[in-house]
Amino acid sequence: GPTAAAPLLRGSRGLPLLHCVCRMFASQTEGELRVT
């Protein structure tokens, strides 16, 4: 069920895999650019 599947749907940092894929291809955030 959803509880059993939850760990499999998370990336290495505990973020949802969809989020990880989006961030992988996204440019830097405004905050990242400012700190850099």
Full PDB file with SEQRES, HELIX, SHEET, SSBOND, CRYST1, ORIGX, SCALE, CONECT and MASTER records, all heavy atoms in Angstrom:
SEQRES   1 A   36  GLY PRO THR ALA ALA ALA PRO LEU LEU ARG GLY SER ARG          
SEQRES   2 A   36  GLY LEU PRO LEU LEU HIS CYS VAL CYS ARG MET PHE ALA          
SEQRES   3 A   36  SER GLN THR GLU GLY GLU LEU ARG VAL THR                      
HELIX    1 AA1 PRO A    2  ALA A    5  1                                   4    
HELIX    2 AA2 ALA A    6  LEU A    9  5                                   4    
HELIX    3 AA3 LEU A   17  PHE A   25  1                                   9    
HELIX    4 AA4 GLU A   30  VAL A   35  1                                   6    
CRYST1    1.000    1.000    1.000  90.00  90.00  90.00 P 1           1          
ORIGX1      1.000000  0.000000  0.000000        0.00000                         
ORIGX2      0.000000  1.000000  0.000000        0.00000                         
ORIGX3      0.000000  0.000000  1.000000        0.00000                         
SCALE1      1.000000  0.000000  0.000000        0.00000                         
SCALE2      0.000000  1.000000  0.000000        0.00000                         
SCALE3      0.000000  0.000000  1.000000        0.00000                         
ATOM      1  N   GLY A   1       0.834  -1.195   0.000  1.00  0.00           N  
ATOM      2  CA  GLY A   1       0.000   0.000   0.000  1.00  0.00           C  
ATOM      3  C   GLY A   1       0.863   1.236   0.000  1.00  0.00           C  
ATOM      4  O   GLY A   1       2.095   1.164  -0.096  1.00  0.00           O  
ATOM      5  N   PRO A   2       0.241   2.401   0.129  1.00  0.00           N  
ATOM      6  CA  PRO A   2       0.983   3.659   0.099  1.00  0.00           C  
ATOM      7  C   PRO A   2       2.082   3.744   1.153  1.00  0.00           C  
ATOM      8  O   PRO A   2       3.152   4.271   0.894  1.00  0.00           O  
ATOM      9  CB  PRO A   2      -0.090   4.722   0.339  1.00  0.00           C  
ATOM     10  CG  PRO A   2      -1.371   4.066  -0.047  1.00  0.00           C  
ATOM     11  CD  PRO A   2      -1.185   2.603   0.225  1.00  0.00           C  
ATOM     12  N   THR A   3       1.822   3.202   2.339  1.00  0.00           N  
ATOM     13  CA  THR A   3       2.827   3.267   3.400  1.00  0.00           C  
ATOM     14  C   THR A   3       4.055   2.447   3.028  1.00  0.00           C  
ATOM     15  O   THR A   3       5.186   2.875   3.230  1.00  0.00           O  
ATOM     16  CB  THR A   3       2.237   2.763   4.727  1.00  0.00           C  
ATOM     17  OG1 THR A   3       1.058   3.516   5.009  1.00  0.00           O  
ATOM     18  CG2 THR A   3       3.224   2.921   5.861  1.00  0.00           C  
ATOM     19  N   ALA A   4       3.836   1.264   2.469  1.00  0.00           N  
ATOM     20  CA  ALA A   4       4.951   0.410   2.076  1.00  0.00           C  
ATOM     21  C   ALA A   4       5.715   1.009   0.896  1.00  0.00           C  
ATOM     22  O   ALA A   4       6.927   0.843   0.777  1.00  0.00           O  
ATOM     23  CB  ALA A   4       4.440  -0.983   1.721  1.00  0.00           C  
ATOM     24  N   ALA A   5       5.003   1.704   0.009  1.00  0.00           N  
ATOM     25  CA  ALA A   5       5.631   2.263  -1.186  1.00  0.00           C  
ATOM     26  C   ALA A   5       6.338   3.580  -0.920  1.00  0.00           C  
ATOM     27  O   ALA A   5       7.231   3.964  -1.674  1.00  0.00           O  
ATOM     28  CB  ALA A   5       4.578   2.472  -2.275  1.00  0.00           C  
ATOM     29  N   ALA A   6       5.989   4.282   0.146  1.00  0.00           N  
ATOM     30  CA  ALA A   6       6.528   5.623   0.404  1.00  0.00           C  
ATOM     31  C   ALA A   6       8.054   5.695   0.359  1.00  0.00           C  
ATOM     32  O   ALA A   6       8.610   6.576  -0.293  1.00  0.00           O  
ATOM     33  CB  ALA A   6       6.005   6.170   1.726  1.00  0.00           C  
ATOM     34  N   PRO A   7       8.794   4.780   1.029  1.00  0.00           N  
ATOM     35  CA  PRO A   7      10.264   4.879   0.966  1.00  0.00           C  
ATOM     36  C   PRO A   7      10.815   4.707  -0.455  1.00  0.00           C  
ATOM     37  O   PRO A   7      11.849   5.262  -0.789  1.00  0.00           O  
ATOM     38  CB  PRO A   7      10.746   3.737   1.860  1.00  0.00           C  
ATOM     39  CG  PRO A   7       9.587   3.407   2.732  1.00  0.00           C  
ATOM     40  CD  PRO A   7       8.355   3.729   1.927  1.00  0.00           C  
ATOM     41  N   LEU A   8      10.125   3.958  -1.274  1.00  0.00           N  
ATOM     42  CA  LEU A   8      10.592   3.733  -2.642  1.00  0.00           C  
ATOM     43  C   LEU A   8      10.358   4.932  -3.544  1.00  0.00           C  
ATOM     44  O   LEU A   8      10.961   5.051  -4.597  1.00  0.00           O  
ATOM     45  CB  LEU A   8       9.890   2.506  -3.241  1.00  0.00           C  
ATOM     46  CG  LEU A   8      10.103   1.193  -2.488  1.00  0.00           C  
ATOM     47  CD1 LEU A   8       9.250   0.096  -3.091  1.00  0.00           C  
ATOM     48  CD2 LEU A   8      11.567   0.809  -2.488  1.00  0.00           C  
ATOM     49  N   LEU A   9       9.455   5.822  -3.126  1.00  0.00           N  
ATOM     50  CA  LEU A   9       9.109   6.986  -3.941  1.00  0.00           C  
ATOM     51  C   LEU A   9       9.901   8.218  -3.547  1.00  0.00           C  
ATOM     52  O   LEU A   9       9.594   9.312  -3.962  1.00  0.00           O  
ATOM     53  CB  LEU A   9       7.604   7.275  -3.828  1.00  0.00           C  
ATOM     54  CG  LEU A   9       6.697   6.148  -4.311  1.00  0.00           C  
ATOM     55  CD1 LEU A   9       5.240   6.498  -4.048  1.00  0.00           C  
ATOM     56  CD2 LEU A   9       6.915   5.874  -5.781  1.00  0.00           C  
ATOM     57  N   ARG A  10      10.933   8.016  -2.751  1.00  0.00           N  
ATOM     58  CA  ARG A  10      11.754   9.133  -2.296  1.00  0.00           C  
ATOM     59  C   ARG A  10      13.173   8.976  -2.808  1.00  0.00           C  
ATOM     60  O   ARG A  10      13.693   7.878  -2.923  1.00  0.00           O  
ATOM     61  CB  ARG A  10      11.758   9.211  -0.779  1.00  0.00           C  
ATOM     62  CG  ARG A  10      10.354   9.437  -0.241  1.00  0.00           C  
ATOM     63  CD  ARG A  10      10.378  10.342   0.956  1.00  0.00           C  
ATOM     64  NE  ARG A  10       9.037  10.782   1.286  1.00  0.00           N  
ATOM     65  CZ  ARG A  10       8.545  11.951   0.985  1.00  0.00           C  
ATOM     66  NH1 ARG A  10       9.262  12.822   0.339  1.00  0.00           N  
ATOM     67  NH2 ARG A  10       7.335  12.289   1.344  1.00  0.00           N  
ATOM     68  N   GLY A  11      13.798  10.114  -3.105  1.00  0.00           N  
ATOM     69  CA  GLY A  11      15.178  10.113  -3.573  1.00  0.00           C  
ATOM     70  C   GLY A  11      16.146   9.999  -2.419  1.00  0.00           C  
ATOM     71  O   GLY A  11      15.756   9.826  -1.263  1.00  0.00           O  
ATOM     72  N   SER A  12      17.423  10.147  -2.693  1.00  0.00           N  
ATOM     73  CA  SER A  12      18.469   9.976  -1.685  1.00  0.00           C  
ATOM     74  C   SER A  12      18.411  11.016  -0.572  1.00  0.00           C  
ATOM     75  O   SER A  12      18.856  10.768   0.528  1.00  0.00           O  
ATOM     76  CB  SER A  12      19.847  10.010  -2.349  1.00  0.00           C  
ATOM     77  OG  SER A  12      20.049  11.253  -2.978  1.00  0.00           O  
ATOM     78  N   ARG A  13      17.847  12.171  -0.846  1.00  0.00           N  
ATOM     79  CA  ARG A  13      17.746  13.223   0.186  1.00  0.00           C  
ATOM     80  C   ARG A  13      16.384  13.208   0.859  1.00  0.00           C  
ATOM     81  O   ARG A  13      16.037  14.125   1.587  1.00  0.00           O  
ATOM     82  CB  ARG A  13      17.987  14.599  -0.438  1.00  0.00           C  
ATOM     83  CG  ARG A  13      19.414  14.787  -0.878  1.00  0.00           C  
ATOM     84  CD  ARG A  13      19.644  16.199  -1.322  1.00  0.00           C  
ATOM     85  NE  ARG A  13      21.030  16.364  -1.689  1.00  0.00           N  
ATOM     86  CZ  ARG A  13      21.453  17.284  -2.512  1.00  0.00           C  
ATOM     87  NH1 ARG A  13      20.619  18.130  -3.054  1.00  0.00           N  
ATOM     88  NH2 ARG A  13      22.725  17.381  -2.804  1.00  0.00           N  
ATOM     89  N   GLY A  14      15.584  12.189   0.596  1.00  0.00           N  
ATOM     90  CA  GLY A  14      14.285  12.098   1.222  1.00  0.00           C  
ATOM     91  C   GLY A  14      13.217  12.906   0.513  1.00  0.00           C  
ATOM     92  O   GLY A  14      12.101  13.013   0.971  1.00  0.00           O  
ATOM     93  N   LEU A  15      13.574  13.515  -0.612  1.00  0.00           N  
ATOM     94  CA  LEU A  15      12.619  14.315  -1.368  1.00  0.00           C  
ATOM     95  C   LEU A  15      11.861  13.414  -2.334  1.00  0.00           C  
ATOM     96  O   LEU A  15      12.394  12.400  -2.780  1.00  0.00           O  
ATOM     97  CB  LEU A  15      13.350  15.404  -2.158  1.00  0.00           C  
ATOM     98  CG  LEU A  15      14.133  16.408  -1.320  1.00  0.00           C  
ATOM     99  CD1 LEU A  15      14.985  17.282  -2.224  1.00  0.00           C  
ATOM    100  CD2 LEU A  15      13.199  17.251  -0.496  1.00  0.00           C  
ATOM    101  N   PRO A  16      10.632  13.754  -2.677  1.00  0.00           N  
ATOM    102  CA  PRO A  16       9.914  12.952  -3.668  1.00  0.00           C  
ATOM    103  C   PRO A  16      10.726  12.868  -4.959  1.00  0.00           C  
ATOM    104  O   PRO A  16      11.367  13.830  -5.366  1.00  0.00           O  
ATOM    105  CB  PRO A  16       8.621  13.742  -3.886  1.00  0.00           C  
ATOM    106  CG  PRO A  16       8.467  14.586  -2.671  1.00  0.00           C  
ATOM    107  CD  PRO A  16       9.869  14.886  -2.197  1.00  0.00           C  
ATOM    108  N   LEU A  17      10.722  11.704  -5.591  1.00  0.00           N  
ATOM    109  CA  LEU A  17      11.520  11.507  -6.799  1.00  0.00           C  
ATOM    110  C   LEU A  17      11.178  12.509  -7.890  1.00  0.00           C  
ATOM    111  O   LEU A  17      12.061  12.985  -8.590  1.00  0.00           O  
ATOM    112  CB  LEU A  17      11.347  10.079  -7.326  1.00  0.00           C  
ATOM    113  CG  LEU A  17      12.100   9.022  -6.533  1.00  0.00           C  
ATOM    114  CD1 LEU A  17      11.798   7.642  -7.088  1.00  0.00           C  
ATOM    115  CD2 LEU A  17      13.585   9.266  -6.548  1.00  0.00           C  
ATOM    116  N   LEU A  18       9.911  12.842  -8.044  1.00  0.00           N  
ATOM    117  CA  LEU A  18       9.523  13.810  -9.063  1.00  0.00           C  
ATOM    118  C   LEU A  18      10.227  15.137  -8.814  1.00  0.00           C  
ATOM    119  O   LEU A  18      10.737  15.760  -9.722  1.00  0.00           O  
ATOM    120  CB  LEU A  18       8.006  14.008  -9.088  1.00  0.00           C  
ATOM    121  CG  LEU A  18       7.486  14.988 -10.137  1.00  0.00           C  
ATOM    122  CD1 LEU A  18       7.897  14.546 -11.537  1.00  0.00           C  
ATOM    123  CD2 LEU A  18       5.984  15.126 -10.051  1.00  0.00           C  
ATOM    124  N   HIS A  19      10.293  15.541  -7.546  1.00  0.00           N  
ATOM    125  CA  HIS A  19      10.990  16.787  -7.198  1.00  0.00           C  
ATOM    126  C   HIS A  19      12.462  16.684  -7.593  1.00  0.00           C  
ATOM    127  O   HIS A  19      13.033  17.614  -8.145  1.00  0.00           O  
ATOM    128  CB  HIS A  19      10.864  17.083  -5.707  1.00  0.00           C  
ATOM    129  CG  HIS A  19      11.726  18.230  -5.269  1.00  0.00           C  
ATOM    130  ND1 HIS A  19      11.363  19.534  -5.454  1.00  0.00           N  
ATOM    131  CD2 HIS A  19      12.957  18.257  -4.707  1.00  0.00           C  
ATOM    132  CE1 HIS A  19      12.329  20.326  -5.010  1.00  0.00           C  
ATOM    133  NE2 HIS A  19      13.298  19.562  -4.547  1.00  0.00           N  
ATOM    134  N   CYS A  20      13.087  15.537  -7.290  1.00  0.00           N  
ATOM    135  CA  CYS A  20      14.507  15.362  -7.606  1.00  0.00           C  
ATOM    136  C   CYS A  20      14.755  15.479  -9.101  1.00  0.00           C  
ATOM    137  O   CYS A  20      15.724  16.085  -9.519  1.00  0.00           O  
ATOM    138  CB  CYS A  20      14.992  14.002  -7.099  1.00  0.00           C  
ATOM    139  SG  CYS A  20      14.998  13.882  -5.299  1.00  0.00           S  
ATOM    140  N   VAL A  21      13.875  14.902  -9.900  1.00  0.00           N  
ATOM    141  CA  VAL A  21      14.024  14.976 -11.351  1.00  0.00           C  
ATOM    142  C   VAL A  21      13.886  16.410 -11.821  1.00  0.00           C  
ATOM    143  O   VAL A  21      14.675  16.891 -12.624  1.00  0.00           O  
ATOM    144  CB  VAL A  21      12.991  14.060 -12.061  1.00  0.00           C  
ATOM    145  CG1 VAL A  21      12.997  14.304 -13.556  1.00  0.00           C  
ATOM    146  CG2 VAL A  21      13.300  12.601 -11.758  1.00  0.00           C  
ATOM    147  N   CYS A  22      12.917  17.126 -11.293  1.00  0.00           N  
ATOM    148  CA  CYS A  22      12.718  18.525 -11.696  1.00  0.00           C  
ATOM    149  C   CYS A  22      13.925  19.376 -11.342  1.00  0.00           C  
ATOM    150  O   CYS A  22      14.382  20.180 -12.139  1.00  0.00           O  
ATOM    151  CB  CYS A  22      11.467  19.106 -11.028  1.00  0.00           C  
ATOM    152  SG  CYS A  22       9.938  18.391 -11.632  1.00  0.00           S  
ATOM    153  N   ARG A  23      14.469  19.199 -10.133  1.00  0.00           N  
ATOM    154  CA  ARG A  23      15.615  19.999  -9.702  1.00  0.00           C  
ATOM    155  C   ARG A  23      16.869  19.623 -10.478  1.00  0.00           C  
ATOM    156  O   ARG A  23      17.736  20.433 -10.693  1.00  0.00           O  
ATOM    157  CB  ARG A  23      15.871  19.808  -8.202  1.00  0.00           C  
ATOM    158  CG  ARG A  23      14.935  20.559  -7.332  1.00  0.00           C  
ATOM    159  CD  ARG A  23      15.212  22.054  -7.330  1.00  0.00           C  
ATOM    160  NE  ARG A  23      16.479  22.303  -6.679  1.00  0.00           N  
ATOM    161  CZ  ARG A  23      17.358  23.195  -7.100  1.00  0.00           C  
ATOM    162  NH1 ARG A  23      17.128  23.938  -8.142  1.00  0.00           N  
ATOM    163  NH2 ARG A  23      18.492  23.371  -6.474  1.00  0.00           N  
ATOM    164  N   MET A  24      16.962  18.369 -10.926  1.00  0.00           N  
ATOM    165  CA  MET A  24      18.137  17.923 -11.658  1.00  0.00           C  
ATOM    166  C   MET A  24      18.285  18.712 -12.958  1.00  0.00           C  
ATOM    167  O   MET A  24      19.378  19.003 -13.393  1.00  0.00           O  
ATOM    168  CB  MET A  24      18.005  16.426 -11.965  1.00  0.00           C  
ATOM    169  CG  MET A  24      19.277  15.799 -12.470  1.00  0.00           C  
ATOM    170  SD  MET A  24      19.118  14.043 -12.868  1.00  0.00           S  
ATOM    171  CE  MET A  24      18.039  13.413 -11.637  1.00  0.00           C  
ATOM    172  N   PHE A  25      17.172  19.045 -13.578  1.00  0.00           N  
ATOM    173  CA  PHE A  25      17.212  19.716 -14.864  1.00  0.00           C  
ATOM    174  C   PHE A  25      16.939  21.215 -14.765  1.00  0.00           C  
ATOM    175  O   PHE A  25      17.031  21.916 -15.747  1.00  0.00           O  
ATOM    176  CB  PHE A  25      16.211  19.064 -15.825  1.00  0.00           C  
ATOM    177  CG  PHE A  25      16.566  17.635 -16.108  1.00  0.00           C  
ATOM    178  CD1 PHE A  25      15.788  16.607 -15.616  1.00  0.00           C  
ATOM    179  CD2 PHE A  25      17.697  17.324 -16.845  1.00  0.00           C  
ATOM    180  CE1 PHE A  25      16.133  15.286 -15.861  1.00  0.00           C  
ATOM    181  CE2 PHE A  25      18.043  16.006 -17.099  1.00  0.00           C  
ATOM    182  CZ  PHE A  25      17.256  14.983 -16.605  1.00  0.00           C  
ATOM    183  N   ALA A  26      16.601  21.688 -13.589  1.00  0.00           N  
ATOM    184  CA  ALA A  26      16.285  23.107 -13.417  1.00  0.00           C  
ATOM    185  C   ALA A  26      17.565  23.909 -13.220  1.00  0.00           C  
ATOM    186  O   ALA A  26      18.578  23.400 -12.766  1.00  0.00           O  
ATOM    187  CB  ALA A  26      15.373  23.287 -12.203  1.00  0.00           C  
ATOM    188  N   SER A  27      17.504  25.178 -13.567  1.00  0.00           N  
ATOM    189  CA  SER A  27      18.638  26.051 -13.306  1.00  0.00           C  
ATOM    190  C   SER A  27      18.629  26.402 -11.819  1.00  0.00           C  
ATOM    191  O   SER A  27      17.722  26.034 -11.089  1.00  0.00           O  
ATOM    192  CB  SER A  27      18.527  27.312 -14.161  1.00  0.00           C  
ATOM    193  OG  SER A  27      17.330  27.989 -13.867  1.00  0.00           O  
ATOM    194  N   GLN A  28      19.627  27.129 -11.386  1.00  0.00           N  
ATOM    195  CA  GLN A  28      19.720  27.492  -9.975  1.00  0.00           C  
ATOM    196  C   GLN A  28      18.537  28.339  -9.546  1.00  0.00           C  
ATOM    197  O   GLN A  28      18.018  29.141 -10.321  1.00  0.00           O  
ATOM    198  CB  GLN A  28      21.011  28.264  -9.708  1.00  0.00           C  
ATOM    199  CG  GLN A  28      22.247  27.401  -9.679  1.00  0.00           C  
ATOM    200  CD  GLN A  28      23.439  28.196  -9.188  1.00  0.00           C  
ATOM    201  OE1 GLN A  28      23.790  29.209  -9.780  1.00  0.00           O  
ATOM    202  NE2 GLN A  28      24.047  27.738  -8.118  1.00  0.00           N  
ATOM    203  N   THR A  29      18.149  28.177  -8.280  1.00  0.00           N  
ATOM    204  CA  THR A  29      17.075  28.998  -7.735  1.00  0.00           C  
ATOM    205  C   THR A  29      17.614  30.405  -7.484  1.00  0.00           C  
ATOM    206  O   THR A  29      18.834  30.628  -7.470  1.00  0.00           O  
ATOM    207  CB  THR A  29      16.543  28.424  -6.403  1.00  0.00           C  
ATOM    208  OG1 THR A  29      17.585  28.490  -5.420  1.00  0.00           O  
ATOM    209  CG2 THR A  29      16.055  26.993  -6.559  1.00  0.00           C  
ATOM    210  N   GLU A  30      16.714  31.324  -7.246  1.00  0.00           N  
ATOM    211  CA  GLU A  30      17.113  32.712  -6.964  1.00  0.00           C  
ATOM    212  C   GLU A  30      18.011  32.770  -5.732  1.00  0.00           C  
ATOM    213  O   GLU A  30      19.012  33.479  -5.707  1.00  0.00           O  
ATOM    214  CB  GLU A  30      15.861  33.570  -6.749  1.00  0.00           C  
ATOM    215  CG  GLU A  30      16.142  35.043  -6.598  1.00  0.00           C  
ATOM    216  CD  GLU A  30      14.872  35.854  -6.443  1.00  0.00           C  
ATOM    217  OE1 GLU A  30      13.915  35.613  -7.206  1.00  0.00           O  
ATOM    218  OE2 GLU A  30      14.850  36.721  -5.553  1.00  0.00           O  
ATOM    219  N   GLY A  31      17.660  31.999  -4.705  1.00  0.00           N  
ATOM    220  CA  GLY A  31      18.464  31.965  -3.477  1.00  0.00           C  
ATOM    221  C   GLY A  31      19.852  31.407  -3.716  1.00  0.00           C  
ATOM    222  O   GLY A  31      20.842  31.925  -3.187  1.00  0.00           O  
ATOM    223  N   GLU A  32      19.941  30.339  -4.504  1.00  0.00           N  
ATOM    224  CA  GLU A  32      21.243  29.749  -4.826  1.00  0.00           C  
ATOM    225  C   GLU A  32      22.115  30.757  -5.568  1.00  0.00           C  
ATOM    226  O   GLU A  32      23.309  30.894  -5.272  1.00  0.00           O  
ATOM    227  CB  GLU A  32      21.061  28.495  -5.683  1.00  0.00           C  
ATOM    228  CG  GLU A  32      20.481  27.313  -4.932  1.00  0.00           C  
ATOM    229  CD  GLU A  32      20.070  26.170  -5.839  1.00  0.00           C  
ATOM    230  OE1 GLU A  32      19.813  26.402  -7.039  1.00  0.00           O  
ATOM    231  OE2 GLU A  32      19.983  25.032  -5.347  1.00  0.00           O  
ATOM    232  N   LEU A  33      21.529  31.463  -6.501  1.00  0.00           N  
ATOM    233  CA  LEU A  33      22.276  32.482  -7.256  1.00  0.00           C  
ATOM    234  C   LEU A  33      22.759  33.598  -6.345  1.00  0.00           C  
ATOM    235  O   LEU A  33      23.899  34.055  -6.466  1.00  0.00           O  
ATOM    236  CB  LEU A  33      21.411  33.048  -8.378  1.00  0.00           C  
ATOM    237  CG  LEU A  33      21.106  32.096  -9.536  1.00  0.00           C  
ATOM    238  CD1 LEU A  33      20.046  32.706 -10.459  1.00  0.00           C  
ATOM    239  CD2 LEU A  33      22.368  31.764 -10.311  1.00  0.00           C  
ATOM    240  N   ARG A  34      21.896  34.044  -5.429  1.00  0.00           N  
ATOM    241  CA  ARG A  34      22.252  35.137  -4.510  1.00  0.00           C  
ATOM    242  C   ARG A  34      23.414  34.709  -3.603  1.00  0.00           C  
ATOM    243  O   ARG A  34      24.397  35.435  -3.448  1.00  0.00           O  
ATOM    244  CB  ARG A  34      21.039  35.553  -3.678  1.00  0.00           C  
ATOM    245  CG  ARG A  34      21.310  36.740  -2.767  1.00  0.00           C  
ATOM    246  CD  ARG A  34      20.071  37.180  -1.990  1.00  0.00           C  
ATOM    247  NE  ARG A  34      19.649  36.135  -1.064  1.00  0.00           N  
ATOM    248  CZ  ARG A  34      18.544  35.397  -1.189  1.00  0.00           C  
ATOM    249  NH1 ARG A  34      17.739  35.590  -2.193  1.00  0.00           N  
ATOM    250  NH2 ARG A  34      18.240  34.467  -0.304  1.00  0.00           N  
ATOM    251  N   VAL A  35      23.325  33.513  -3.017  1.00  0.00           N  
ATOM    252  CA  VAL A  35      24.380  33.021  -2.124  1.00  0.00           C  
ATOM    253  C   VAL A  35      25.676  32.815  -2.905  1.00  0.00           C  
ATOM    254  O   VAL A  35      26.759  33.188  -2.436  1.00  0.00           O  
ATOM    255  CB  VAL A  35      23.934  31.721  -1.420  1.00  0.00           C  
ATOM    256  CG1 VAL A  35      25.085  31.083  -0.657  1.00  0.00           C  
ATOM    257  CG2 VAL A  35      22.754  32.002  -0.480  1.00  0.00           C  
ATOM    258  N   THR A  36      25.584  32.270  -4.102  1.00  0.00           N  
ATOM    259  CA  THR A  36      26.763  32.065  -4.939  1.00  0.00           C  
ATOM    260  C   THR A  36      27.446  33.401  -5.241  1.00  0.00           C  
ATOM    261  O   THR A  36      28.677  33.518  -5.152  1.00  0.00           O  
ATOM    262  CB  THR A  36      26.381  31.361  -6.265  1.00  0.00           C  
ATOM    263  OG1 THR A  36      25.803  30.089  -5.958  1.00  0.00           O  
ATOM    264  CG2 THR A  36      27.590  31.159  -7.153  1.00  0.00           C  
TER     265      THR A  36                                                      
MASTER        0    0    0    4    0    0    0    6  264    1    0    3          
END                                                                             
